[in-house]
Amino acid sequence: SPRQNRMSTDNALTVVVLLPSAEWPGLEAKPPLPAGQMHFGTSVEDFDPTILKQAGGVLWVPPASEETLKTLHAALPCCRWVHSFSAGLDSIAGFVRSLSENTHVSNGRGAFSSSLAEFAMTAMLHFNKQIPRCQQNRKTRTWDKFVMNTVRGKTLGLLGYGSIGKATAALGAAFGMNIIVLRRNPGKVEERGSPQPQKTYGFADAEAFYKAADFVVCSLPATAETKHFVSKAAFDAMGPQAQCFIHHPHAQRSERRQIAQNGWWYINLH
């Protein structure tokens, strides 16, 4: 689609940034910008009318509402670019579909993959190394000798194999883990340089995937097809060796009650 093509912009492009709140923590990391290039607000009323008339782009920061974004965009007669700060567009899908073909749409795909992969590894190591036990021992000044587990040789199951999945696979492989993947197209060949999983399962073979995994990281996008994809049947299929289910921010919701009943640790990276 023409909307998904990259668009080159000049330094004079004025962009309005729709924030979810005035206290959004990302503002603390905002880099120095040329005067007048970017303007921040939480509603259309926050922006000077002159800026609205000349703005060529809008940057949406979730979870700012779709309705607020629609209202703001309607006040931007020169807007030709819409950018989503996050990779997921599901919460503004209706707005995106309503845009003209002359409006370019981009998203933050890949921008947070390394960070999320590190959090996934942190969660796995947290429970594999029994960090809560170590913290309690430190608190009670207890010398508790126990066998320390390793993740080397364990199987990391990646539910979805996009940018986040590949970044997680690279870290898992560096720790000596076996990498398996569950995806829509199991026959897809990865580009050179991408981590190559030891085995790839199609959706029809989901049960075998779950049985083989020690850890599962879910990064499936939230779509109608993936709604309740990780269900009671999925957790029933997971073996007794399974330790941790890690759920990424943009992924579809899973049945958390079933996770608790099966004795898994559920880590939600929101």
C-alpha atoms as a PDB file:
ATOM      1  CA  SER A   1       0.000   0.000   0.000  1.00  0.00           C
ATOM      2  CA  PRO A   2       1.255   3.528  -0.769  1.00  0.00           C
ATOM      3  CA  ARG A   3       0.550   4.437   2.865  1.00  0.00           C
ATOM      4  CA  GLN A   4       3.155   2.020   4.102  1.00  0.00           C
ATOM      5  CA  ASN A   5       5.959   3.338   1.910  1.00  0.00           C
ATOM      6  CA  ARG A   6       8.632   5.364   3.593  1.00  0.00           C
ATOM      7  CA  MET A   7       8.296   9.090   3.159  1.00  0.00           C
ATOM      8  CA  SER A   8      11.212  11.485   3.053  1.00  0.00           C
ATOM      9  CA  THR A   9      10.605  14.703   4.944  1.00  0.00           C
ATOM     10  CA  ASP A  10      12.532  17.919   5.135  1.00  0.00           C
ATOM     11  CA  ASN A  11      13.718  19.575   8.309  1.00  0.00           C
ATOM     12  CA  ALA A  12      10.981  22.206   8.105  1.00  0.00           C
ATOM     13  CA  LEU A  13       8.122  19.713   8.575  1.00  0.00           C
ATOM     14  CA  THR A  14       5.941  20.718  11.506  1.00  0.00           C
ATOM     15  CA  VAL A  15       4.590  17.792  13.522  1.00  0.00           C
ATOM     16  CA  VAL A  16       2.007  17.771  16.287  1.00  0.00           C
ATOM     17  CA  VAL A  17       2.380  15.038  18.904  1.00  0.00           C
ATOM     18  CA  LEU A  18      -0.758  13.672  20.558  1.00  0.00           C
ATOM     19  CA  LEU A  19       0.140  12.512  24.066  1.00  0.00           C
ATOM     20  CA  PRO A  20      -1.961  10.288  26.357  1.00  0.00           C
ATOM     21  CA  SER A  21      -1.297  12.707  29.230  1.00  0.00           C
ATOM     22  CA  ALA A  22       0.783  15.772  30.017  1.00  0.00           C
ATOM     23  CA  GLU A  23       2.825  13.626  32.425  1.00  0.00           C
ATOM     24  CA  TRP A  24       3.780  11.046  29.785  1.00  0.00           C
ATOM     25  CA  PRO A  25       7.236   9.799  30.952  1.00  0.00           C
ATOM     26  CA  GLY A  26       8.635   9.703  27.421  1.00  0.00           C
ATOM     27  CA  LEU A  27       8.919  13.481  27.489  1.00  0.00           C
ATOM     28  CA  GLU A  28      11.900  13.121  29.803  1.00  0.00           C
ATOM     29  CA  ALA A  29      13.818  11.369  27.034  1.00  0.00           C
ATOM     30  CA  LYS A  30      12.834  13.839  24.312  1.00  0.00           C
ATOM     31  CA  PRO A  31      15.930  14.803  22.296  1.00  0.00           C
ATOM     32  CA  PRO A  32      16.743  18.444  21.464  1.00  0.00           C
ATOM     33  CA  LEU A  33      14.620  19.560  18.517  1.00  0.00           C
ATOM     34  CA  PRO A  34      14.748  22.581  16.209  1.00  0.00           C
ATOM     35  CA  ALA A  35      12.441  25.346  17.380  1.00  0.00           C
ATOM     36  CA  GLY A  36       8.931  24.964  16.011  1.00  0.00           C
ATOM     37  CA  GLN A  37       9.418  21.465  14.594  1.00  0.00           C
ATOM     38  CA  MET A  38       7.373  19.462  17.105  1.00  0.00           C
ATOM     39  CA  HIS A  39       4.479  20.544  19.295  1.00  0.00           C
ATOM     40  CA  PHE A  40       2.997  18.474  22.114  1.00  0.00           C
ATOM     41  CA  GLY A  41      -0.521  18.263  23.505  1.00  0.00           C
ATOM     42  CA  THR A  42      -3.267  15.953  24.757  1.00  0.00           C
ATOM     43  CA  SER A  43      -6.171  17.441  22.763  1.00  0.00           C
ATOM     44  CA  VAL A  44      -6.771  19.696  19.792  1.00  0.00           C
ATOM     45  CA  GLU A  45      -7.316  22.632  22.168  1.00  0.00           C
ATOM     46  CA  ASP A  46      -3.697  22.386  23.351  1.00  0.00           C
ATOM     47  CA  PHE A  47      -2.312  23.455  19.963  1.00  0.00           C
ATOM     48  CA  ASP A  48      -2.082  26.947  18.534  1.00  0.00           C
ATOM     49  CA  PRO A  49      -4.458  27.330  15.555  1.00  0.00           C
ATOM     50  CA  THR A  50      -1.568  28.584  13.423  1.00  0.00           C
ATOM     51  CA  ILE A  51       0.369  25.392  14.134  1.00  0.00           C
ATOM     52  CA  LEU A  52      -2.642  23.269  13.252  1.00  0.00           C
ATOM     53  CA  LYS A  53      -2.952  24.986   9.877  1.00  0.00           C
ATOM     54  CA  GLN A  54       0.666  24.355   8.895  1.00  0.00           C
ATOM     55  CA  ALA A  55       1.359  20.960  10.508  1.00  0.00           C
ATOM     56  CA  GLY A  56       2.333  18.326   7.956  1.00  0.00           C
ATOM     57  CA  GLY A  57       2.311  15.350  10.297  1.00  0.00           C
ATOM     58  CA  VAL A  58       0.861  13.943  13.479  1.00  0.00           C
ATOM     59  CA  LEU A  59       2.524  11.523  15.882  1.00  0.00           C
ATOM     60  CA  TRP A  60       0.150   9.424  17.969  1.00  0.00           C
ATOM     61  CA  VAL A  61       1.363   8.149  21.356  1.00  0.00           C
ATOM     62  CA  PRO A  62      -0.808   5.394  22.836  1.00  0.00           C
ATOM     63  CA  PRO A  63      -2.993   5.093  24.757  1.00  0.00           C
ATOM     64  CA  ALA A  64      -4.329   8.444  23.509  1.00  0.00           C
ATOM     65  CA  SER A  65      -7.822   7.691  22.230  1.00  0.00           C
ATOM     66  CA  GLU A  66      -8.746   7.108  18.612  1.00  0.00           C
ATOM     67  CA  GLU A  67     -11.518   9.710  18.853  1.00  0.00           C
ATOM     68  CA  THR A  68      -9.076  12.382  20.020  1.00  0.00           C
ATOM     69  CA  LEU A  69      -6.744  11.470  17.165  1.00  0.00           C
ATOM     70  CA  LYS A  70      -9.601  11.760  14.656  1.00  0.00           C
ATOM     71  CA  THR A  71     -10.551  15.176  16.010  1.00  0.00           C
ATOM     72  CA  LEU A  72      -6.970  16.397  15.867  1.00  0.00           C
ATOM     73  CA  HIS A  73      -6.393  15.072  12.353  1.00  0.00           C
ATOM     74  CA  ALA A  74      -9.554  16.770  11.123  1.00  0.00           C
ATOM     75  CA  ALA A  75      -8.033  20.074  12.260  1.00  0.00           C
ATOM     76  CA  LEU A  76      -4.856  19.515  10.212  1.00  0.00           C
ATOM     77  CA  PRO A  77      -5.591  20.560   6.600  1.00  0.00           C
ATOM     78  CA  CYS A  78      -1.976  20.003   5.475  1.00  0.00           C
ATOM     79  CA  CYS A  79      -1.345  16.703   7.233  1.00  0.00           C
ATOM     80  CA  ARG A  80       0.222  14.108   4.927  1.00  0.00           C
ATOM     81  CA  TRP A  81       1.893  11.831   7.481  1.00  0.00           C
ATOM     82  CA  VAL A  82       0.589   9.883  10.477  1.00  0.00           C
ATOM     83  CA  HIS A  83       3.035   8.038  12.716  1.00  0.00           C
ATOM     84  CA  SER A  84       2.280   5.604  15.531  1.00  0.00           C
ATOM     85  CA  PHE A  85       4.788   5.687  18.378  1.00  0.00           C
ATOM     86  CA  SER A  86       4.098   1.991  18.992  1.00  0.00           C
ATOM     87  CA  ALA A  87       4.246  -0.946  16.596  1.00  0.00           C
ATOM     88  CA  GLY A  88       0.617  -1.896  17.156  1.00  0.00           C
ATOM     89  CA  LEU A  89      -2.123  -0.059  15.263  1.00  0.00           C
ATOM     90  CA  ASP A  90      -5.092  -2.160  16.381  1.00  0.00           C
ATOM     91  CA  SER A  91      -6.559   0.533  18.666  1.00  0.00           C
ATOM     92  CA  ILE A  92      -6.625   3.103  15.822  1.00  0.00           C
ATOM     93  CA  ALA A  93      -7.328   0.698  12.962  1.00  0.00           C
ATOM     94  CA  GLY A  94     -10.618   2.405  12.066  1.00  0.00           C
ATOM     95  CA  PHE A  95      -8.931   5.793  11.822  1.00  0.00           C
ATOM     96  CA  VAL A  96      -6.099   4.429   9.666  1.00  0.00           C
ATOM     97  CA  ARG A  97      -8.553   2.796   7.256  1.00  0.00           C
ATOM     98  CA  SER A  98     -10.382   6.118   6.868  1.00  0.00           C
ATOM     99  CA  LEU A  99      -7.277   7.994   5.677  1.00  0.00           C
ATOM    100  CA  SER A 100      -6.796   8.891   2.021  1.00  0.00           C
ATOM    101  CA  GLU A 101      -4.207   7.105  -0.083  1.00  0.00           C
ATOM    102  CA  ASN A 102      -2.190  10.333  -0.127  1.00  0.00           C
ATOM    103  CA  THR A 103      -1.556  10.084   3.614  1.00  0.00           C
ATOM    104  CA  HIS A 104       1.539   8.124   4.598  1.00  0.00           C
ATOM    105  CA  VAL A 105       1.293   5.909   7.682  1.00  0.00           C
ATOM    106  CA  SER A 106       4.272   4.605   9.634  1.00  0.00           C
ATOM    107  CA  ASN A 107       4.774   2.940  13.004  1.00  0.00           C
ATOM    108  CA  GLY A 108       7.411   2.152  15.605  1.00  0.00           C
ATOM    109  CA  ARG A 109       8.032  -1.419  14.459  1.00  0.00           C
ATOM    110  CA  GLY A 110      11.449  -2.532  15.676  1.00  0.00           C
ATOM    111  CA  ALA A 111      12.081   0.518  17.847  1.00  0.00           C
ATOM    112  CA  PHE A 112      11.447  -1.337  21.106  1.00  0.00           C
ATOM    113  CA  SER A 113      12.407  -4.881  20.104  1.00  0.00           C
ATOM    114  CA  SER A 114      15.780  -4.924  21.865  1.00  0.00           C
ATOM    115  CA  SER A 115      14.346  -3.487  25.068  1.00  0.00           C
ATOM    116  CA  LEU A 116      11.435  -5.954  25.126  1.00  0.00           C
ATOM    117  CA  ALA A 117      13.743  -8.879  24.361  1.00  0.00           C
ATOM    118  CA  GLU A 118      15.921  -7.887  27.326  1.00  0.00           C
ATOM    119  CA  PHE A 119      12.856  -7.748  29.567  1.00  0.00           C
ATOM    120  CA  ALA A 120      11.835 -11.210  28.372  1.00  0.00           C
ATOM    121  CA  MET A 121      15.266 -12.596  29.244  1.00  0.00           C
ATOM    122  CA  THR A 122      15.137 -10.812  32.598  1.00  0.00           C
ATOM    123  CA  ALA A 123      11.823 -12.500  33.399  1.00  0.00           C
ATOM    124  CA  MET A 124      13.153 -15.928  32.425  1.00  0.00           C
ATOM    125  CA  LEU A 125      16.316 -15.535  34.485  1.00  0.00           C
ATOM    126  CA  HIS A 126      14.348 -14.102  37.409  1.00  0.00           C
ATOM    127  CA  PHE A 127      12.475 -17.353  37.903  1.00  0.00           C
ATOM    128  CA  ASN A 128      15.065 -19.778  36.558  1.00  0.00           C
ATOM    129  CA  LYS A 129      17.643 -18.412  39.008  1.00  0.00           C
ATOM    130  CA  GLN A 130      15.049 -18.215  41.808  1.00  0.00           C
ATOM    131  CA  ILE A 131      15.727 -14.541  42.425  1.00  0.00           C
ATOM    132  CA  PRO A 132      12.753 -14.155  44.831  1.00  0.00           C
ATOM    133  CA  ARG A 133      14.275 -16.936  46.968  1.00  0.00           C
ATOM    134  CA  CYS A 134      17.666 -15.197  46.930  1.00  0.00           C
ATOM    135  CA  GLN A 135      16.060 -11.881  47.884  1.00  0.00           C
ATOM    136  CA  GLN A 136      14.214 -13.496  50.778  1.00  0.00           C
ATOM    137  CA  ASN A 137      17.403 -15.200  51.963  1.00  0.00           C
ATOM    138  CA  ARG A 138      19.195 -11.862  51.912  1.00  0.00           C
ATOM    139  CA  LYS A 139      16.389 -10.255  53.878  1.00  0.00           C
ATOM    140  CA  THR A 140      16.419 -12.991  56.545  1.00  0.00           C
ATOM    141  CA  ARG A 141      20.212 -13.397  56.450  1.00  0.00           C
ATOM    142  CA  THR A 142      19.794 -17.065  55.600  1.00  0.00           C
ATOM    143  CA  TRP A 143      22.598 -19.126  54.058  1.00  0.00           C
ATOM    144  CA  ASP A 144      20.434 -21.329  51.862  1.00  0.00           C
ATOM    145  CA  LYS A 145      22.339 -23.813  49.738  1.00  0.00           C
ATOM    146  CA  PHE A 146      20.309 -24.899  46.731  1.00  0.00           C
ATOM    147  CA  VAL A 147      20.945 -26.046  43.188  1.00  0.00           C
ATOM    148  CA  MET A 148      21.015 -23.070  40.852  1.00  0.00           C
ATOM    149  CA  ASN A 149      19.218 -23.713  37.579  1.00  0.00           C
ATOM    150  CA  THR A 150      20.509 -22.672  34.160  1.00  0.00           C
ATOM    151  CA  VAL A 151      18.690 -21.610  31.023  1.00  0.00           C
ATOM    152  CA  ARG A 152      21.326 -23.256  28.825  1.00  0.00           C
ATOM    153  CA  GLY A 153      19.722 -26.238  27.155  1.00  0.00           C
ATOM    154  CA  LYS A 154      16.187 -25.083  27.993  1.00  0.00           C
ATOM    155  CA  THR A 155      13.687 -24.543  25.178  1.00  0.00           C
ATOM    156  CA  LEU A 156      12.454 -21.041  24.433  1.00  0.00           C
ATOM    157  CA  GLY A 157       9.150 -21.047  22.583  1.00  0.00           C
ATOM    158  CA  LEU A 158       8.372 -17.900  20.602  1.00  0.00           C
ATOM    159  CA  LEU A 159       4.721 -17.329  19.837  1.00  0.00           C
ATOM    160  CA  GLY A 160       5.066 -15.067  16.815  1.00  0.00           C
ATOM    161  CA  TYR A 161       8.339 -14.375  15.039  1.00  0.00           C
ATOM    162  CA  GLY A 162       8.419 -10.746  14.070  1.00  0.00           C
ATOM    163  CA  SER A 163      10.921  -8.125  15.156  1.00  0.00           C
ATOM    164  CA  ILE A 164      10.407  -8.782  18.893  1.00  0.00           C
ATOM    165  CA  GLY A 165      10.537 -12.545  18.455  1.00  0.00           C
ATOM    166  CA  LYS A 166      13.778 -12.392  16.477  1.00  0.00           C
ATOM    167  CA  ALA A 167      15.430 -10.086  19.027  1.00  0.00           C
ATOM    168  CA  THR A 168      14.407 -12.459  21.821  1.00  0.00           C
ATOM    169  CA  ALA A 169      15.678 -15.452  19.833  1.00  0.00           C
ATOM    170  CA  ALA A 170      19.090 -13.821  19.427  1.00  0.00           C
ATOM    171  CA  LEU A 171      19.442 -13.332  23.192  1.00  0.00           C
ATOM    172  CA  GLY A 172      18.121 -16.794  23.965  1.00  0.00           C
ATOM    173  CA  ALA A 173      20.568 -18.377  21.532  1.00  0.00           C
ATOM    174  CA  ALA A 174      23.431 -16.461  23.168  1.00  0.00           C
ATOM    175  CA  PHE A 175      22.448 -18.116  26.461  1.00  0.00           C
ATOM    176  CA  GLY A 176      22.555 -21.546  24.799  1.00  0.00           C
ATOM    177  CA  MET A 177      18.793 -22.049  24.648  1.00  0.00           C
ATOM    178  CA  ASN A 178      16.979 -24.107  22.036  1.00  0.00           C
ATOM    179  CA  ILE A 179      14.714 -21.868  19.957  1.00  0.00           C
ATOM    180  CA  ILE A 180      11.350 -23.031  18.635  1.00  0.00           C
ATOM    181  CA  VAL A 181       8.707 -20.894  16.940  1.00  0.00           C
ATOM    182  CA  LEU A 182       4.941 -21.032  16.453  1.00  0.00           C
ATOM    183  CA  ARG A 183       3.769 -18.950  13.501  1.00  0.00           C
ATOM    184  CA  ARG A 184       1.147 -18.772  10.774  1.00  0.00           C
ATOM    185  CA  ASN A 185       3.554 -19.718   7.976  1.00  0.00           C
ATOM    186  CA  PRO A 186       5.988 -22.391   9.247  1.00  0.00           C
ATOM    187  CA  GLY A 187       7.660 -22.702   5.852  1.00  0.00           C
ATOM    188  CA  LYS A 188       8.749 -19.070   5.683  1.00  0.00           C
ATOM    189  CA  VAL A 189      12.497 -18.732   5.091  1.00  0.00           C
ATOM    190  CA  GLU A 190      14.201 -16.139   7.255  1.00  0.00           C
ATOM    191  CA  GLU A 191      16.486 -13.582   5.681  1.00  0.00           C
ATOM    192  CA  ARG A 192      20.213 -14.020   6.033  1.00  0.00           C
ATOM    193  CA  GLY A 193      21.505 -12.797   9.367  1.00  0.00           C
ATOM    194  CA  SER A 194      18.243 -13.441  11.225  1.00  0.00           C
ATOM    195  CA  PRO A 195      18.256 -16.006  14.063  1.00  0.00           C
ATOM    196  CA  GLN A 196      17.268 -19.411  12.685  1.00  0.00           C
ATOM    197  CA  PRO A 197      15.001 -21.422  15.016  1.00  0.00           C
ATOM    198  CA  GLN A 198      15.747 -25.103  15.522  1.00  0.00           C
ATOM    199  CA  LYS A 199      12.130 -25.934  14.718  1.00  0.00           C
ATOM    200  CA  THR A 200       9.105 -24.030  13.460  1.00  0.00           C
ATOM    201  CA  TYR A 201       5.512 -25.109  14.059  1.00  0.00           C
ATOM    202  CA  GLY A 202       2.372 -24.059  12.217  1.00  0.00           C
ATOM    203  CA  PHE A 203      -0.800 -23.101  14.072  1.00  0.00           C
ATOM    204  CA  ALA A 204      -2.184 -26.598  13.438  1.00  0.00           C
ATOM    205  CA  ASP A 205       0.714 -28.039  15.484  1.00  0.00           C
ATOM    206  CA  ALA A 206       0.328 -25.655  18.434  1.00  0.00           C
ATOM    207  CA  GLU A 207      -0.077 -28.482  20.955  1.00  0.00           C
ATOM    208  CA  ALA A 208       3.330 -29.959  20.091  1.00  0.00           C
ATOM    209  CA  PHE A 209       4.885 -26.489  20.365  1.00  0.00           C
ATOM    210  CA  TYR A 210       3.536 -25.902  23.866  1.00  0.00           C
ATOM    211  CA  LYS A 211       4.570 -29.372  25.037  1.00  0.00           C
ATOM    212  CA  ALA A 212       8.164 -28.721  23.956  1.00  0.00           C
ATOM    213  CA  ALA A 213       8.585 -25.263  25.528  1.00  0.00           C
ATOM    214  CA  ASP A 214      10.140 -24.455  28.914  1.00  0.00           C
ATOM    215  CA  PHE A 215       9.439 -20.746  28.455  1.00  0.00           C
ATOM    216  CA  VAL A 216       6.935 -19.080  26.110  1.00  0.00           C
ATOM    217  CA  VAL A 217       7.193 -15.479  24.901  1.00  0.00           C
ATOM    218  CA  CYS A 218       4.055 -14.193  23.169  1.00  0.00           C
ATOM    219  CA  SER A 219       4.419 -11.279  20.750  1.00  0.00           C
ATOM    220  CA  LEU A 220       1.481 -12.015  18.447  1.00  0.00           C
ATOM    221  CA  PRO A 221      -0.266  -8.823  17.323  1.00  0.00           C
ATOM    222  CA  ALA A 222      -3.750  -8.166  18.663  1.00  0.00           C
ATOM    223  CA  THR A 223      -6.019  -9.094  15.748  1.00  0.00           C
ATOM    224  CA  ALA A 224      -9.337 -10.888  15.316  1.00  0.00           C
ATOM    225  CA  GLU A 225      -7.398 -14.021  14.317  1.00  0.00           C
ATOM    226  CA  THR A 226      -5.280 -14.048  17.482  1.00  0.00           C
ATOM    227  CA  LYS A 227      -8.062 -13.223  19.955  1.00  0.00           C
ATOM    228  CA  HIS A 228      -7.921 -15.822  22.751  1.00  0.00           C
ATOM    229  CA  PHE A 229      -5.301 -17.668  20.710  1.00  0.00           C
ATOM    230  CA  VAL A 230      -3.540 -18.734  23.908  1.00  0.00           C
ATOM    231  CA  SER A 231      -6.440 -20.554  25.526  1.00  0.00           C
ATOM    232  CA  LYS A 232      -7.098 -23.211  28.173  1.00  0.00           C
ATOM    233  CA  ALA A 233      -6.196 -25.909  25.648  1.00  0.00           C
ATOM    234  CA  ALA A 234      -2.799 -24.300  25.091  1.00  0.00           C
ATOM    235  CA  PHE A 235      -1.923 -24.272  28.778  1.00  0.00           C
ATOM    236  CA  ASP A 236      -3.259 -27.781  29.270  1.00  0.00           C
ATOM    237  CA  ALA A 237      -0.757 -28.892  26.617  1.00  0.00           C
ATOM    238  CA  MET A 238       2.224 -27.368  28.422  1.00  0.00           C
ATOM    239  CA  GLY A 239       4.365 -29.893  30.212  1.00  0.00           C
ATOM    240  CA  PRO A 240       5.296 -29.971  33.921  1.00  0.00           C
ATOM    241  CA  GLN A 241       8.744 -28.558  33.115  1.00  0.00           C
ATOM    242  CA  ALA A 242       7.282 -25.297  31.843  1.00  0.00           C
ATOM    243  CA  GLN A 243       8.211 -22.281  33.970  1.00  0.00           C
ATOM    244  CA  CYS A 244       7.133 -18.920  32.604  1.00  0.00           C
ATOM    245  CA  PHE A 245       4.751 -17.278  30.117  1.00  0.00           C
ATOM    246  CA  ILE A 246       5.814 -13.795  29.029  1.00  0.00           C
ATOM    247  CA  HIS A 247       3.302 -11.477  27.395  1.00  0.00           C
ATOM    248  CA  HIS A 248       4.443  -8.428  25.409  1.00  0.00           C
ATOM    249  CA  PRO A 249       2.607  -5.075  25.466  1.00  0.00           C
ATOM    250  CA  HIS A 250       1.102  -5.149  21.968  1.00  0.00           C
ATOM    251  CA  ALA A 251       0.272  -8.871  22.060  1.00  0.00           C
ATOM    252  CA  GLN A 252      -3.237 -10.277  22.211  1.00  0.00           C
ATOM    253  CA  ARG A 253      -4.654 -10.924  25.653  1.00  0.00           C
ATOM    254  CA  SER A 254      -4.347 -14.445  27.004  1.00  0.00           C
ATOM    255  CA  GLU A 255      -6.405 -16.377  29.523  1.00  0.00           C
ATOM    256  CA  ARG A 256      -4.498 -15.383  32.657  1.00  0.00           C
ATOM    257  CA  ARG A 257      -6.730 -17.348  35.021  1.00  0.00           C
ATOM    258  CA  GLN A 258      -5.759 -20.550  33.277  1.00  0.00           C
ATOM    259  CA  ILE A 259      -2.083 -19.639  33.536  1.00  0.00           C
ATOM    260  CA  ALA A 260      -2.364 -19.335  37.323  1.00  0.00           C
ATOM    261  CA  GLN A 261      -4.278 -22.595  37.601  1.00  0.00           C
ATOM    262  CA  ASN A 262      -1.544 -24.420  35.728  1.00  0.00           C
ATOM    263  CA  GLY A 263       1.169 -23.109  38.045  1.00  0.00           C
ATOM    264  CA  TRP A 264       2.912 -20.925  35.449  1.00  0.00           C
ATOM    265  CA  TRP A 265       4.394 -17.534  36.180  1.00  0.00           C
ATOM    266  CA  TYR A 266       2.624 -14.945  34.020  1.00  0.00           C
ATOM    267  CA  ILE A 267       4.763 -11.900  33.203  1.00  0.00           C
ATOM    268  CA  ASN A 268       2.956  -9.020  31.495  1.00  0.00           C
ATOM    269  CA  LEU A 269       5.443  -6.495  30.069  1.00  0.00           C
ATOM    270  CA  HIS A 270       2.985  -3.580  29.906  1.00  0.00           C
END
